Protein backbone atom coordinates (compact mmCIF):
# COMPACT_ATOMS: atom_id res chain seq x y z
CA MET A 1 121.90 75.09 110.44
CA ASP A 2 121.60 77.44 108.03
CA LYS A 3 118.58 79.82 108.53
CA ASN A 4 116.04 78.49 105.74
CA ARG A 5 116.38 75.10 107.73
CA VAL A 6 115.65 76.92 110.68
CA LYS A 7 112.35 78.34 109.22
CA TRP A 8 111.39 75.29 107.88
CA GLY A 9 111.65 73.23 111.16
CA SER A 10 110.04 76.49 112.80
CA ARG A 11 106.72 74.99 110.72
CA ARG A 12 104.82 72.91 113.17
CA GLY A 13 102.21 70.43 113.30
CA MET A 14 100.18 73.14 115.51
CA LEU A 15 99.10 76.49 114.19
CA GLU A 16 99.70 78.18 117.84
CA LEU A 17 103.27 77.31 117.33
CA ASP A 18 103.67 78.46 113.62
CA LEU A 19 102.14 81.93 114.86
CA ILE A 20 104.80 82.17 117.49
CA LEU A 21 107.85 80.82 116.26
CA SER A 22 107.78 81.62 112.72
CA PRO A 23 107.61 85.01 113.26
CA PHE A 24 110.39 84.85 116.11
CA VAL A 25 112.50 83.31 113.24
CA ASP A 26 111.68 86.35 110.51
CA GLU A 27 112.24 88.91 113.17
CA ASN A 28 114.77 88.02 116.12
CA TYR A 29 116.89 84.67 115.01
CA ASP A 30 119.51 87.10 113.05
CA GLN A 31 119.94 89.05 116.00
CA LEU A 32 120.55 86.09 118.57
CA SER A 33 124.11 85.41 119.54
CA GLU A 34 125.43 81.89 118.24
CA ALA A 35 125.03 80.32 121.62
CA ASP A 36 121.22 81.36 121.66
CA GLN A 37 120.92 80.39 117.87
CA GLN A 38 121.92 76.57 118.85
CA ARG A 39 119.57 76.73 121.89
CA PHE A 40 116.97 77.42 119.28
CA GLN A 41 117.79 74.74 116.96
CA GLU A 42 117.77 72.41 120.09
CA LEU A 43 114.31 73.65 121.02
CA LEU A 44 113.26 72.75 117.64
CA ALA A 45 113.33 69.00 118.49
CA CYS A 46 111.43 69.30 121.12
CA GLU A 47 107.60 67.81 121.35
CA ASP A 48 104.84 70.35 120.11
CA GLN A 49 103.21 69.59 123.40
CA ASP A 50 106.16 70.47 125.29
CA LEU A 51 106.74 73.73 123.19
CA PHE A 52 103.49 74.84 123.77
CA GLY A 53 103.33 74.51 127.37
CA TRP A 54 106.42 76.15 127.39
CA LEU A 55 105.53 79.20 125.05
CA MET A 56 102.32 79.53 126.38
CA LYS A 57 103.63 79.96 130.18
CA ARG A 58 102.04 77.02 131.56
CA VAL A 59 105.12 75.21 132.64
CA ASP A 60 108.90 75.93 132.26
CA PRO A 61 111.70 73.50 130.59
CA ASP A 62 113.45 71.52 133.12
CA ASP A 63 116.70 72.60 131.05
CA SER A 64 118.15 75.56 131.78
CA GLU A 65 119.56 76.18 128.27
CA LEU A 66 115.85 75.74 126.63
CA LEU A 67 114.41 77.82 129.49
CA GLN A 68 116.99 80.78 128.63
CA ILE A 69 115.68 80.64 124.61
CA VAL A 70 112.07 80.14 125.69
CA GLN A 71 112.68 82.92 127.86
CA ILE A 72 113.75 85.17 124.78
CA ILE A 73 110.91 84.18 122.75
CA ARG A 74 108.24 84.92 125.43
CA ASP A 75 110.11 88.34 125.62
CA SER A 76 109.89 88.99 122.04
CA ARG A 77 106.16 88.66 122.24
CA ASN A 78 105.48 91.10 124.86
CA THR A 79 107.73 94.03 122.88
CA PRO A 80 105.55 96.87 121.15
CA GLY A 81 105.06 96.05 117.89
CA ALA A 82 105.60 92.17 117.93
CA SER A 83 103.48 89.71 116.31
CA PRO A 84 100.13 88.56 118.04
């Protein structure tokens, strides 16, 4: 999937998710390994409510592959200069 499709897929029905996923794609997606890019694409197929819970650290995904990319996204938000 090309980056434009990933960027479009990052636009969700919840503003909170848009504010996390879109900046992540802009700032971090290109530096991900191919495997992590694939995990991110799989993450985009998940329901918004699940994504919200995972990214807000309320619960972790059961799938270890999804947990890996969720953790990368969480960590990217905790770095100095990261988007709010």
